[in-house]
Amino acid sequence: MDWKLELIPVPVSDIDRAKAFYVDQVGFNADHDIPVNDDLRFVQLTPPGSACSIVLDVNMTDMPSGAQRGLQIVVPDADVARQHLLDHGVDAPPVEDLPWGRFTYFADPDGNTWALQQLVPQA
C-alpha cells in the first residue's frame, strides 16, 4: 500500500500576500484558489516538479501564522536555487555544505521557514 504525502498546511496571516510571495517570488505553481465560504479560502500551491503541495492556512488548523518550521524541498542545484530566490527579492543565506547535502534557507513573510537541499552523492 502506498502512502503519499499530498498537502501540508502553511499558516499565514494574509492569503493574498502569501500567495504572491510563493508564486511570484519563490516560483510555486498556483493550483487552486477557491473561496469555499466566508470563512474559508482554499489556496493550494505546488513547488515545480513536486508531488506534494501546500495549502495556505488562515483558519484551517490551530497553528498560528508563521508556526511552520523546517519544511524542506530538494533541488538539483542549491546555488542556482539560491540565486533564483535572490533575483526575486527573497533573502537566502550562502549555500552551506554539509555531509548530507548542500543547503540554503528562506522564510515567508509570516516567518514559516524552508530549507532547500541539494543531495550529494554518498561515497
PDB file of N, CA and C in Angstrom:
ATOM      1  N   MET A   1       0.848  -1.169   0.000  1.00  0.00           N
ATOM      2  CA  MET A   1       0.000   0.000   0.000  1.00  0.00           C
ATOM      3  C   MET A   1       0.897   1.237   0.000  1.00  0.00           C
ATOM      4  N   ASP A   2       0.667   2.162  -0.930  1.00  0.00           N
ATOM      5  CA  ASP A   2       1.398   3.435  -0.977  1.00  0.00           C
ATOM      6  C   ASP A   2       0.759   4.433  -0.021  1.00  0.00           C
ATOM      7  N   TRP A   3       1.590   5.196   0.649  1.00  0.00           N
ATOM      8  CA  TRP A   3       1.144   6.321   1.470  1.00  0.00           C
ATOM      9  C   TRP A   3       1.857   7.538   0.910  1.00  0.00           C
ATOM     10  N   LYS A   4       1.123   8.428   0.307  1.00  0.00           N
ATOM     11  CA  LYS A   4       1.725   9.569  -0.361  1.00  0.00           C
ATOM     12  C   LYS A   4       1.358  10.861   0.359  1.00  0.00           C
ATOM     13  N   LEU A   5       2.365  11.598   0.760  1.00  0.00           N
ATOM     14  CA  LEU A   5       2.139  12.898   1.372  1.00  0.00           C
ATOM     15  C   LEU A   5       1.703  13.857   0.264  1.00  0.00           C
ATOM     16  N   GLU A   6       0.542  14.461   0.424  1.00  0.00           N
ATOM     17  CA  GLU A   6      -0.045  15.258  -0.648  1.00  0.00           C
ATOM     18  C   GLU A   6      -0.138  16.751  -0.336  1.00  0.00           C
ATOM     19  N   LEU A   7      -0.437  17.108   0.919  1.00  0.00           N
ATOM     20  CA  LEU A   7      -0.767  18.501   1.217  1.00  0.00           C
ATOM     21  C   LEU A   7      -0.316  18.862   2.627  1.00  0.00           C
ATOM     22  N   ILE A   8       0.410  19.969   2.743  1.00  0.00           N
ATOM     23  CA  ILE A   8       0.904  20.444   4.033  1.00  0.00           C
ATOM     24  C   ILE A   8       0.354  21.844   4.260  1.00  0.00           C
ATOM     25  N   PRO A   9      -0.301  22.079   5.409  1.00  0.00           N
ATOM     26  CA  PRO A   9      -0.781  23.427   5.694  1.00  0.00           C
ATOM     27  C   PRO A   9       0.370  24.344   6.106  1.00  0.00           C
ATOM     28  N   VAL A  10       0.363  25.544   5.564  1.00  0.00           N
ATOM     29  CA  VAL A  10       1.337  26.571   5.931  1.00  0.00           C
ATOM     30  C   VAL A  10       0.532  27.748   6.478  1.00  0.00           C
ATOM     31  N   PRO A  11       0.627  27.986   7.803  1.00  0.00           N
ATOM     32  CA  PRO A  11      -0.205  29.008   8.424  1.00  0.00           C
ATOM     33  C   PRO A  11       0.288  30.427   8.112  1.00  0.00           C
ATOM     34  N   VAL A  12      -0.611  31.230   7.564  1.00  0.00           N
ATOM     35  CA  VAL A  12      -0.276  32.599   7.162  1.00  0.00           C
ATOM     36  C   VAL A  12      -1.335  33.561   7.694  1.00  0.00           C
ATOM     37  N   SER A  13      -0.978  34.821   7.741  1.00  0.00           N
ATOM     38  CA  SER A  13      -1.920  35.832   8.220  1.00  0.00           C
ATOM     39  C   SER A  13      -2.676  36.514   7.089  1.00  0.00           C
ATOM     40  N   ASP A  14      -2.123  36.471   5.875  1.00  0.00           N
ATOM     41  CA  ASP A  14      -2.722  37.160   4.732  1.00  0.00           C
ATOM     42  C   ASP A  14      -2.541  36.282   3.504  1.00  0.00           C
ATOM     43  N   ILE A  15      -3.615  35.685   3.033  1.00  0.00           N
ATOM     44  CA  ILE A  15      -3.525  34.748   1.903  1.00  0.00           C
ATOM     45  C   ILE A  15      -3.034  35.428   0.637  1.00  0.00           C
ATOM     46  N   ASP A  16      -3.504  36.624   0.328  1.00  0.00           N
ATOM     47  CA  ASP A  16      -3.063  37.293  -0.900  1.00  0.00           C
ATOM     48  C   ASP A  16      -1.566  37.571  -0.874  1.00  0.00           C
ATOM     49  N   ARG A  17      -1.072  38.064   0.256  1.00  0.00           N
ATOM     50  CA  ARG A  17       0.367  38.348   0.383  1.00  0.00           C
ATOM     51  C   ARG A  17       1.169  37.049   0.273  1.00  0.00           C
ATOM     52  N   ALA A  18       0.725  36.005   0.958  1.00  0.00           N
ATOM     53  CA  ALA A  18       1.439  34.734   0.928  1.00  0.00           C
ATOM     54  C   ALA A  18       1.422  34.121  -0.468  1.00  0.00           C
ATOM     55  N   LYS A  19       0.279  34.161  -1.124  1.00  0.00           N
ATOM     56  CA  LYS A  19       0.184  33.603  -2.470  1.00  0.00           C
ATOM     57  C   LYS A  19       1.132  34.341  -3.415  1.00  0.00           C
ATOM     58  N   ALA A  20       1.150  35.662  -3.349  1.00  0.00           N
ATOM     59  CA  ALA A  20       2.058  36.438  -4.199  1.00  0.00           C
ATOM     60  C   ALA A  20       3.512  36.074  -3.911  1.00  0.00           C
ATOM     61  N   PHE A  21       3.858  35.901  -2.651  1.00  0.00           N
ATOM     62  CA  PHE A  21       5.229  35.532  -2.288  1.00  0.00           C
ATOM     63  C   PHE A  21       5.602  34.173  -2.882  1.00  0.00           C
ATOM     64  N   TYR A  22       4.782  33.173  -2.605  1.00  0.00           N
ATOM     65  CA  TYR A  22       5.122  31.819  -3.055  1.00  0.00           C
ATOM     66  C   TYR A  22       5.073  31.658  -4.570  1.00  0.00           C
ATOM     67  N   VAL A  23       4.146  32.319  -5.229  1.00  0.00           N
ATOM     68  CA  VAL A  23       4.021  32.177  -6.688  1.00  0.00           C
ATOM     69  C   VAL A  23       4.988  33.106  -7.412  1.00  0.00           C
ATOM     70  N   ASP A  24       4.933  34.405  -7.112  1.00  0.00           N
ATOM     71  CA  ASP A  24       5.706  35.391  -7.875  1.00  0.00           C
ATOM     72  C   ASP A  24       7.177  35.438  -7.491  1.00  0.00           C
ATOM     73  N   GLN A  25       7.501  35.172  -6.243  1.00  0.00           N
ATOM     74  CA  GLN A  25       8.889  35.278  -5.809  1.00  0.00           C
ATOM     75  C   GLN A  25       9.587  33.921  -5.728  1.00  0.00           C
ATOM     76  N   VAL A  26       8.956  32.942  -5.116  1.00  0.00           N
ATOM     77  CA  VAL A  26       9.605  31.643  -4.947  1.00  0.00           C
ATOM     78  C   VAL A  26       9.442  30.785  -6.198  1.00  0.00           C
ATOM     79  N   GLY A  27       8.301  30.871  -6.869  1.00  0.00           N
ATOM     80  CA  GLY A  27       8.111  30.136  -8.114  1.00  0.00           C
ATOM     81  C   GLY A  27       7.196  28.937  -8.023  1.00  0.00           C
ATOM     82  N   PHE A  28       6.389  28.835  -6.959  1.00  0.00           N
ATOM     83  CA  PHE A  28       5.432  27.737  -6.850  1.00  0.00           C
ATOM     84  C   PHE A  28       4.338  27.916  -7.907  1.00  0.00           C
ATOM     85  N   ASN A  29       3.710  26.811  -8.282  1.00  0.00           N
ATOM     86  CA  ASN A  29       2.572  26.837  -9.198  1.00  0.00           C
ATOM     87  C   ASN A  29       1.296  27.055  -8.396  1.00  0.00           C
ATOM     88  N   ALA A  30       0.430  27.918  -8.894  1.00  0.00           N
ATOM     89  CA  ALA A  30      -0.871  28.154  -8.260  1.00  0.00           C
ATOM     90  C   ALA A  30      -1.856  27.134  -8.813  1.00  0.00           C
ATOM     91  N   ASP A  31      -2.210  26.145  -8.013  1.00  0.00           N
ATOM     92  CA  ASP A  31      -3.090  25.064  -8.459  1.00  0.00           C
ATOM     93  C   ASP A  31      -4.563  25.407  -8.284  1.00  0.00           C
ATOM     94  N   HIS A  32      -4.913  25.891  -7.108  1.00  0.00           N
ATOM     95  CA  HIS A  32      -6.312  26.192  -6.790  1.00  0.00           C
ATOM     96  C   HIS A  32      -6.393  27.453  -5.946  1.00  0.00           C
ATOM     97  N   ASP A  33      -7.412  28.235  -6.192  1.00  0.00           N
ATOM     98  CA  ASP A  33      -7.755  29.377  -5.338  1.00  0.00           C
ATOM     99  C   ASP A  33      -9.276  29.438  -5.334  1.00  0.00           C
ATOM    100  N   ILE A  34      -9.853  28.759  -4.360  1.00  0.00           N
ATOM    101  CA  ILE A  34     -11.302  28.568  -4.343  1.00  0.00           C
ATOM    102  C   ILE A  34     -11.891  29.118  -3.049  1.00  0.00           C
ATOM    103  N   PRO A  35     -12.761  30.121  -3.143  1.00  0.00           N
ATOM    104  CA  PRO A  35     -13.481  30.550  -1.940  1.00  0.00           C
ATOM    105  C   PRO A  35     -14.541  29.501  -1.602  1.00  0.00           C
ATOM    106  N   VAL A  36     -14.390  28.860  -0.453  1.00  0.00           N
ATOM    107  CA  VAL A  36     -15.306  27.796  -0.046  1.00  0.00           C
ATOM    108  C   VAL A  36     -16.535  28.397   0.631  1.00  0.00           C
ATOM    109  N   ASN A  37     -16.283  29.327   1.534  1.00  0.00           N
ATOM    110  CA  ASN A  37     -17.358  30.064   2.204  1.00  0.00           C
ATOM    111  C   ASN A  37     -16.750  31.348   2.770  1.00  0.00           C
ATOM    112  N   ASP A  38     -17.500  32.084   3.562  1.00  0.00           N
ATOM    113  CA  ASP A  38     -17.000  33.359   4.084  1.00  0.00           C
ATOM    114  C   ASP A  38     -15.786  33.193   4.996  1.00  0.00           C
ATOM    115  N   ASP A  39     -15.609  31.999   5.558  1.00  0.00           N
ATOM    116  CA  ASP A  39     -14.512  31.762   6.498  1.00  0.00           C
ATOM    117  C   ASP A  39     -13.372  30.935   5.930  1.00  0.00           C
ATOM    118  N   LEU A  40     -13.515  30.446   4.703  1.00  0.00           N
ATOM    119  CA  LEU A  40     -12.502  29.546   4.174  1.00  0.00           C
ATOM    120  C   LEU A  40     -12.242  29.801   2.698  1.00  0.00           C
ATOM    121  N   ARG A  41     -10.978  30.006   2.387  1.00  0.00           N
ATOM    122  CA  ARG A  41     -10.500  30.139   1.011  1.00  0.00           C
ATOM    123  C   ARG A  41      -9.411  29.097   0.829  1.00  0.00           C
ATOM    124  N   PHE A  42      -9.600  28.181  -0.095  1.00  0.00           N
ATOM    125  CA  PHE A  42      -8.661  27.086  -0.313  1.00  0.00           C
ATOM    126  C   PHE A  42      -7.665  27.485  -1.393  1.00  0.00           C
ATOM    127  N   VAL A  43      -6.416  27.735  -0.991  1.00  0.00           N
ATOM    128  CA  VAL A  43      -5.356  28.111  -1.927  1.00  0.00           C
ATOM    129  C   VAL A  43      -4.267  27.049  -1.841  1.00  0.00           C
ATOM    130  N   GLN A  44      -4.157  26.268  -2.910  1.00  0.00           N
ATOM    131  CA  GLN A  44      -3.164  25.191  -2.980  1.00  0.00           C
ATOM    132  C   GLN A  44      -2.076  25.589  -3.968  1.00  0.00           C
ATOM    133  N   LEU A  45      -0.820  25.444  -3.536  1.00  0.00           N
ATOM    134  CA  LEU A  45       0.345  25.791  -4.346  1.00  0.00           C
ATOM    135  C   LEU A  45       1.311  24.613  -4.338  1.00  0.00           C
ATOM    136  N   THR A  46       2.014  24.425  -5.456  1.00  0.00           N
ATOM    137  CA  THR A  46       2.939  23.291  -5.558  1.00  0.00           C
ATOM    138  C   THR A  46       4.300  23.753  -6.064  1.00  0.00           C
ATOM    139  N   PRO A  47       5.371  23.358  -5.375  1.00  0.00           N
ATOM    140  CA  PRO A  47       6.706  23.638  -5.906  1.00  0.00           C
ATOM    141  C   PRO A  47       6.879  22.945  -7.256  1.00  0.00           C
ATOM    142  N   PRO A  48       7.588  23.553  -8.198  1.00  0.00           N
ATOM    143  CA  PRO A  48       7.775  22.939  -9.507  1.00  0.00           C
ATOM    144  C   PRO A  48       8.364  21.527  -9.379  1.00  0.00           C
ATOM    145  N   GLY A  49       7.719  20.556 -10.023  1.00  0.00           N
ATOM    146  CA  GLY A  49       8.208  19.193 -10.024  1.00  0.00           C
ATOM    147  C   GLY A  49       7.838  18.371  -8.800  1.00  0.00           C
ATOM    148  N   SER A  50       7.150  18.949  -7.847  1.00  0.00           N
ATOM    149  CA  SER A  50       6.821  18.246  -6.611  1.00  0.00           C
ATOM    150  C   SER A  50       5.492  17.514  -6.717  1.00  0.00           C
ATOM    151  N   ALA A  51       5.389  16.392  -6.026  1.00  0.00           N
ATOM    152  CA  ALA A  51       4.117  15.679  -5.912  1.00  0.00           C
ATOM    153  C   ALA A  51       3.350  16.133  -4.680  1.00  0.00           C
ATOM    154  N   CYS A  52       3.986  16.895  -3.811  1.00  0.00           N
ATOM    155  CA  CYS A  52       3.353  17.386  -2.587  1.00  0.00           C
ATOM    156  C   CYS A  52       3.133  18.890  -2.702  1.00  0.00           C
ATOM    157  N   SER A  53       1.990  19.334  -2.223  1.00  0.00           N
ATOM    158  CA  SER A  53       1.613  20.745  -2.293  1.00  0.00           C
ATOM    159  C   SER A  53       1.496  21.330  -0.896  1.00  0.00           C
ATOM    160  N   ILE A  54       1.334  22.646  -0.851  1.00  0.00           N
ATOM    161  CA  ILE A  54       0.994  23.326   0.391  1.00  0.00           C
ATOM    162  C   ILE A  54      -0.387  23.948   0.228  1.00  0.00           C
ATOM    163  N   VAL A  55      -1.061  24.162   1.350  1.00  0.00           N
ATOM    164  CA  VAL A  55      -2.298  24.928   1.357  1.00  0.00           C
ATOM    165  C   VAL A  55      -2.063  26.097   2.305  1.00  0.00           C
ATOM    166  N   LEU A  56      -2.362  27.291   1.844  1.00  0.00           N
ATOM    167  CA  LEU A  56      -2.215  28.470   2.690  1.00  0.00           C
ATOM    168  C   LEU A  56      -3.327  28.454   3.722  1.00  0.00           C
ATOM    169  N   ASP A  57      -2.950  28.521   4.977  1.00  0.00           N
ATOM    170  CA  ASP A  57      -3.853  28.260   6.082  1.00  0.00           C
ATOM    171  C   ASP A  57      -4.056  29.504   6.938  1.00  0.00           C
ATOM    172  N   VAL A  58      -5.266  30.060   6.869  1.00  0.00           N
ATOM    173  CA  VAL A  58      -5.621  31.163   7.763  1.00  0.00           C
ATOM    174  C   VAL A  58      -6.404  30.637   8.956  1.00  0.00           C
ATOM    175  N   ASN A  59      -7.289  29.674   8.704  1.00  0.00           N
ATOM    176  CA  ASN A  59      -8.094  29.153   9.804  1.00  0.00           C
ATOM    177  C   ASN A  59      -8.448  27.675   9.650  1.00  0.00           C
ATOM    178  N   MET A  60      -7.682  26.936   8.866  1.00  0.00           N
ATOM    179  CA  MET A  60      -7.955  25.505   8.694  1.00  0.00           C
ATOM    180  C   MET A  60      -7.399  24.685   9.860  1.00  0.00           C
ATOM    181  N   THR A  61      -6.316  25.133  10.467  1.00  0.00           N
ATOM    182  CA  THR A  61      -5.721  24.448  11.616  1.00  0.00           C
ATOM    183  C   THR A  61      -5.624  25.452  12.761  1.00  0.00           C
ATOM    184  N   ASP A  62      -5.147  24.984  13.898  1.00  0.00           N
ATOM    185  CA  ASP A  62      -4.985  25.901  15.028  1.00  0.00           C
ATOM    186  C   ASP A  62      -3.565  26.447  15.135  1.00  0.00           C
ATOM    187  N   MET A  63      -2.733  26.219  14.105  1.00  0.00           N
ATOM    188  CA  MET A  63      -1.376  26.775  14.113  1.00  0.00           C
ATOM    189  C   MET A  63      -1.426  28.278  13.890  1.00  0.00           C
ATOM    190  N   PRO A  64      -0.694  29.039  14.682  1.00  0.00           N
ATOM    191  CA  PRO A  64      -0.627  30.475  14.411  1.00  0.00           C
ATOM    192  C   PRO A  64       0.215  30.746  13.167  1.00  0.00           C
ATOM    193  N   SER A  65      -0.030  31.870  12.516  1.00  0.00           N
ATOM    194  CA  SER A  65       0.743  32.202  11.317  1.00  0.00           C
ATOM    195  C   SER A  65       2.226  32.216  11.663  1.00  0.00           C
ATOM    196  N   GLY A  66       3.012  31.663  10.745  1.00  0.00           N
ATOM    197  CA  GLY A  66       4.459  31.607  10.927  1.00  0.00           C
ATOM    198  C   GLY A  66       4.949  30.441  11.762  1.00  0.00           C
ATOM    199  N   ALA A  67       4.081  29.534  12.169  1.00  0.00           N
ATOM    200  CA  ALA A  67       4.471  28.448  13.073  1.00  0.00           C
ATOM    201  C   ALA A  67       5.140  27.261  12.382  1.00  0.00           C
ATOM    202  N   GLN A  68       5.028  27.168  11.058  1.00  0.00           N
ATOM    203  CA  GLN A  68       5.587  26.010  10.351  1.00  0.00           C
ATOM    204  C   GLN A  68       7.097  26.194  10.225  1.00  0.00           C
ATOM    205  N   ARG A  69       7.851  25.238  10.701  1.00  0.00           N
ATOM    206  CA  ARG A  69       9.311  25.329  10.704  1.00  0.00           C
ATOM    207  C   ARG A  69       9.935  24.137   9.987  1.00  0.00           C
ATOM    208  N   GLY A  70      10.979  24.410   9.238  1.00  0.00           N
ATOM    209  CA  GLY A  70      11.805  23.355   8.690  1.00  0.00           C
ATOM    210  C   GLY A  70      11.226  22.569   7.534  1.00  0.00           C
ATOM    211  N   LEU A  71      10.297  23.152   6.794  1.00  0.00           N
ATOM    212  CA  LEU A  71       9.852  22.482   5.576  1.00  0.00           C
ATOM    213  C   LEU A  71      11.055  22.369   4.637  1.00  0.00           C
ATOM    214  N   GLN A  72      11.136  21.287   3.904  1.00  0.00           N
ATOM    215  CA  GLN A  72      12.324  21.068   3.084  1.00  0.00           C
ATOM    216  C   GLN A  72      11.948  20.663   1.675  1.00  0.00           C
ATOM    217  N   ILE A  73      12.649  21.263   0.723  1.00  0.00           N
ATOM    218  CA  ILE A  73      12.488  20.961  -0.696  1.00  0.00           C
ATOM    219  C   ILE A  73      13.843  20.522  -1.232  1.00  0.00           C
ATOM    220  N   VAL A  74      13.857  19.459  -2.022  1.00  0.00           N
ATOM    221  CA  VAL A  74      15.090  19.025  -2.676  1.00  0.00           C
ATOM    222  C   VAL A  74      15.166  19.700  -4.038  1.00  0.00           C
ATOM    223  N   VAL A  75      16.323  20.286  -4.314  1.00  0.00           N
ATOM    224  CA  VAL A  75      16.566  20.985  -5.585  1.00  0.00           C
ATOM    225  C   VAL A  75      17.796  20.368  -6.258  1.00  0.00           C
ATOM    226  N   PRO A  76      17.882  20.477  -7.585  1.00  0.00           N
ATOM    227  CA  PRO A  76      19.049  19.898  -8.263  1.00  0.00           C
ATOM    228  C   PRO A  76      20.347  20.658  -7.985  1.00  0.00           C
ATOM    229  N   ASP A  77      20.252  21.970  -7.746  1.00  0.00           N
ATOM    230  CA  ASP A  77      21.446  22.788  -7.544  1.00  0.00           C
ATOM    231  C   ASP A  77      21.125  23.899  -6.540  1.00  0.00           C
ATOM    232  N   ALA A  78      21.714  23.812  -5.366  1.00  0.00           N
ATOM    233  CA  ALA A  78      21.427  24.786  -4.307  1.00  0.00           C
ATOM    234  C   ALA A  78      21.878  26.194  -4.678  1.00  0.00           C
ATOM    235  N   ASP A  79      22.974  26.316  -5.403  1.00  0.00           N
ATOM    236  CA  ASP A  79      23.456  27.642  -5.798  1.00  0.00           C
ATOM    237  C   ASP A  79      22.483  28.311  -6.765  1.00  0.00           C
ATOM    238  N   VAL A  80      21.987  27.547  -7.730  1.00  0.00           N
ATOM    239  CA  VAL A  80      21.026  28.087  -8.694  1.00  0.00           C
ATOM    240  C   VAL A  80      19.718  28.448  -7.983  1.00  0.00           C
ATOM    241  N   ALA A  81      19.281  27.590  -7.069  1.00  0.00           N
ATOM    242  CA  ALA A  81      18.049  27.871  -6.322  1.00  0.00           C
ATOM    243  C   ALA A  81      18.206  29.141  -5.483  1.00  0.00           C
ATOM    244  N   ARG A  82      19.339  29.277  -4.822  1.00  0.00           N
ATOM    245  CA  ARG A  82      19.585  30.489  -4.020  1.00  0.00           C
ATOM    246  C   ARG A  82      19.571  31.724  -4.908  1.00  0.00           C
ATOM    247  N   GLN A  83      20.221  31.656  -6.053  1.00  0.00           N
ATOM    248  CA  GLN A  83      20.259  32.815  -6.942  1.00  0.00           C
ATOM    249  C   GLN A  83      18.861  33.169  -7.429  1.00  0.00           C
ATOM    250  N   HIS A  84      18.042  32.160  -7.709  1.00  0.00           N
ATOM    251  CA  HIS A  84      16.646  32.412  -8.099  1.00  0.00           C
ATOM    252  C   HIS A  84      15.931  33.193  -6.998  1.00  0.00           C
ATOM    253  N   LEU A  85      16.087  32.746  -5.762  1.00  0.00           N
ATOM    254  CA  LEU A  85      15.448  33.452  -4.645  1.00  0.00           C
ATOM    255  C   LEU A  85      15.937  34.894  -4.564  1.00  0.00           C
ATOM    256  N   LEU A  86      17.238  35.090  -4.598  1.00  0.00           N
ATOM    257  CA  LEU A  86      17.800  36.438  -4.504  1.00  0.00           C
ATOM    258  C   LEU A  86      17.315  37.320  -5.652  1.00  0.00           C
ATOM    259  N   ASP A  87      17.285  36.761  -6.866  1.00  0.00           N
ATOM    260  CA  ASP A  87      16.832  37.525  -8.032  1.00  0.00           C
ATOM    261  C   ASP A  87      15.371  37.949  -7.915  1.00  0.00           C
ATOM    262  N   HIS A  88      14.604  37.240  -7.083  1.00  0.00           N
ATOM    263  CA  HIS A  88      13.184  37.541  -6.906  1.00  0.00           C
ATOM    264  C   HIS A  88      12.887  38.194  -5.554  1.00  0.00           C
ATOM    265  N   GLY A  89      13.930  38.759  -4.937  1.00  0.00           N
ATOM    266  CA  GLY A  89      13.745  39.533  -3.718  1.00  0.00           C
ATOM    267  C   GLY A  89      13.550  38.730  -2.449  1.00  0.00           C
ATOM    268  N   VAL A  90      13.953  37.462  -2.447  1.00  0.00           N
ATOM    269  CA  VAL A  90      13.828  36.613  -1.266  1.00  0.00           C
ATOM    270  C   VAL A  90      15.210  36.452  -0.647  1.00  0.00           C
ATOM    271  N   ASP A  91      15.333  36.783   0.619  1.00  0.00           N
ATOM    272  CA  ASP A  91      16.604  36.658   1.320  1.00  0.00           C
ATOM    273  C   ASP A  91      16.942  35.185   1.511  1.00  0.00           C
ATOM    274  N   ALA A  92      18.160  34.807   1.144  1.00  0.00           N
ATOM    275  CA  ALA A  92      18.635  33.436   1.318  1.00  0.00           C
ATOM    276  C   ALA A  92      20.132  33.486   1.616  1.00  0.00           C
ATOM    277  N   PRO A  93      20.558  32.850   2.697  1.00  0.00           N
ATOM    278  CA  PRO A  93      21.982  32.887   3.049  1.00  0.00           C
ATOM    279  C   PRO A  93      22.817  32.078   2.066  1.00  0.00           C
ATOM    280  N   PRO A  94      24.142  32.290   2.085  1.00  0.00           N
ATOM    281  CA  PRO A  94      25.007  31.488   1.224  1.00  0.00           C
ATOM    282  C   PRO A  94      24.783  29.992   1.455  1.00  0.00           C
ATOM    283  N   VAL A  95      25.031  29.222   0.421  1.00  0.00           N
ATOM    284  CA  VAL A  95      24.847  27.773   0.495  1.00  0.00           C
ATOM    285  C   VAL A  95      25.824  27.198   1.520  1.00  0.00           C
ATOM    286  N   GLU A  96      25.274  26.313   2.343  1.00  0.00           N
ATOM    287  CA  GLU A  96      26.046  25.646   3.389  1.00  0.00           C
ATOM    288  C   GLU A  96      26.291  24.205   2.959  1.00  0.00           C
ATOM    289  N   ASP A  97      27.571  23.791   2.988  1.00  0.00           N
ATOM    290  CA  ASP A  97      27.928  22.420   2.627  1.00  0.00           C
ATOM    291  C   ASP A  97      27.978  21.551   3.869  1.00  0.00           C
ATOM    292  N   LEU A  98      27.150  20.518   3.892  1.00  0.00           N
ATOM    293  CA  LEU A  98      27.104  19.568   4.995  1.00  0.00           C
ATOM    294  C   LEU A  98      27.305  18.164   4.424  1.00  0.00           C
ATOM    295  N   PRO A  99      27.686  17.203   5.233  1.00  0.00           N
ATOM    296  CA  PRO A  99      27.929  15.857   4.710  1.00  0.00           C
ATOM    297  C   PRO A  99      26.706  15.232   4.027  1.00  0.00           C
ATOM    298  N   TRP A 100      25.503  15.648   4.381  1.00  0.00           N
ATOM    299  CA  TRP A 100      24.286  15.048   3.827  1.00  0.00           C
ATOM    300  C   TRP A 100      23.602  15.943   2.793  1.00  0.00           C
ATOM    301  N   GLY A 101      24.271  17.040   2.404  1.00  0.00           N
ATOM    302  CA  GLY A 101      23.688  17.879   1.370  1.00  0.00           C
ATOM    303  C   GLY A 101      24.194  19.302   1.418  1.00  0.00           C
ATOM    304  N   ARG A 102      23.789  20.051   0.421  1.00  0.00           N
ATOM    305  CA  ARG A 102      24.116  21.478   0.326  1.00  0.00           C
ATOM    306  C   ARG A 102      22.809  22.234   0.533  1.00  0.00           C
ATOM    307  N   PHE A 103      22.799  23.220   1.433  1.00  0.00           N
ATOM    308  CA  PHE A 103      21.567  23.862   1.865  1.00  0.00           C
ATOM    309  C   PHE A 103      21.604  25.375   1.762  1.00  0.00           C
ATOM    310  N   THR A 104      20.449  25.935   1.426  1.00  0.00           N
ATOM    311  CA  THR A 104      20.171  27.342   1.651  1.00  0.00           C
ATOM    312  C   THR A 104      18.762  27.394   2.232  1.00  0.00           C
ATOM    313  N   TYR A 105      18.400  28.549   2.749  1.00  0.00           N
ATOM    314  CA  TYR A 105      17.162  28.651   3.523  1.00  0.00           C
ATOM    315  C   TYR A 105      16.418  29.937   3.163  1.00  0.00           C
ATOM    316  N   PHE A 106      15.119  29.948   3.434  1.00  0.00           N
ATOM    317  CA  PHE A 106      14.357  31.186   3.324  1.00  0.00           C
ATOM    318  C   PHE A 106      13.154  31.109   4.246  1.00  0.00           C
ATOM    319  N   ALA A 107      12.550  32.252   4.480  1.00  0.00           N
ATOM    320  CA  ALA A 107      11.329  32.341   5.284  1.00  0.00           C
ATOM    321  C   ALA A 107      10.307  33.146   4.500  1.00  0.00           C
ATOM    322  N   ASP A 108       9.042  32.802   4.688  1.00  0.00           N
ATOM    323  CA  ASP A 108       7.985  33.581   4.042  1.00  0.00           C
ATOM    324  C   ASP A 108       7.694  34.825   4.882  1.00  0.00           C
ATOM    325  N   PRO A 109       6.823  35.722   4.413  1.00  0.00           N
ATOM    326  CA  PRO A 109       6.561  36.969   5.148  1.00  0.00           C
ATOM    327  C   PRO A 109       6.028  36.761   6.570  1.00  0.00           C
ATOM    328  N   ASP A 110       5.447  35.592   6.858  1.00  0.00           N
ATOM    329  CA  ASP A 110       4.954  35.316   8.207  1.00  0.00           C
ATOM    330  C   ASP A 110       5.992  34.649   9.094  1.00  0.00           C
ATOM    331  N   GLY A 111       7.105  34.200   8.509  1.00  0.00           N
ATOM    332  CA  GLY A 111       8.140  33.549   9.293  1.00  0.00           C
ATOM    333  C   GLY A 111       8.169  32.039   9.198  1.00  0.00           C
ATOM    334  N   ASN A 112       7.329  31.428   8.366  1.00  0.00           N
ATOM    335  CA  ASN A 112       7.432  29.990   8.122  1.00  0.00           C
ATOM    336  C   ASN A 112       8.774  29.743   7.431  1.00  0.00           C
ATOM    337  N   THR A 113       9.523  28.727   7.881  1.00  0.00           N
ATOM    338  CA  THR A 113      10.872  28.535   7.362  1.00  0.00           C
ATOM    339  C   THR A 113      10.989  27.317   6.468  1.00  0.00           C
ATOM    340  N   TRP A 114      11.873  27.461   5.500  1.00  0.00           N
ATOM    341  CA  TRP A 114      12.108  26.440   4.489  1.00  0.00           C
ATOM    342  C   TRP A 114      13.607  26.197   4.332  1.00  0.00           C
ATOM    343  N   ALA A 115      13.962  24.961   4.026  1.00  0.00           N
ATOM    344  CA  ALA A 115      15.321  24.593   3.635  1.00  0.00           C
ATOM    345  C   ALA A 115      15.265  24.080   2.211  1.00  0.00           C
ATOM    346  N   LEU A 116      16.225  24.475   1.412  1.00  0.00           N
ATOM    347  CA  LEU A 116      16.396  23.925   0.067  1.00  0.00           C
ATOM    348  C   LEU A 116      17.644  23.066   0.104  1.00  0.00           C
ATOM    349  N   GLN A 117      17.513  21.778  -0.204  1.00  0.00           N
ATOM    350  CA  GLN A 117      18.614  20.837  -0.112  1.00  0.00           C
ATOM    351  C   GLN A 117      18.987  20.299  -1.476  1.00  0.00           C
ATOM    352  N   GLN A 118      20.269  20.379  -1.767  1.00  0.00           N
ATOM    353  CA  GLN A 118      20.827  19.687  -2.930  1.00  0.00           C
ATOM    354  C   GLN A 118      21.429  18.405  -2.383  1.00  0.00           C
ATOM    355  N   LEU A 119      20.963  17.254  -2.859  1.00  0.00           N
ATOM    356  CA  LEU A 119      21.514  15.988  -2.408  1.00  0.00           C
ATOM    357  C   LEU A 119      22.931  15.838  -2.941  1.00  0.00           C
ATOM    358  N   VAL A 120      23.790  15.229  -2.157  1.00  0.00           N
ATOM    359  CA  VAL A 120      25.172  14.972  -2.595  1.00  0.00           C
ATOM    360  C   VAL A 120      25.374  13.469  -2.676  1.00  0.00           C
ATOM    361  N   PRO A 121      26.151  13.033  -3.657  1.00  0.00           N
ATOM    362  CA  PRO A 121      26.405  11.589  -3.777  1.00  0.00           C
ATOM    363  C   PRO A 121      27.097  11.061  -2.512  1.00  0.00           C
ATOM    364  N   GLN A 122      26.655   9.893  -2.064  1.00  0.00           N
ATOM    365  CA  GLN A 122      27.272   9.250  -0.907  1.00  0.00           C
ATOM    366  C   GLN A 122      28.422   8.382  -1.383  1.00  0.00           C
ATOM    367  N   ALA A 123      29.523   8.454  -0.650  1.00  0.00           N
ATOM    368  CA  ALA A 123      30.706   7.665  -1.022  1.00  0.00           C
ATOM    369  C   ALA A 123      30.550   6.222  -0.646  1.00  0.00           C
TER     370      ALA A 123
END
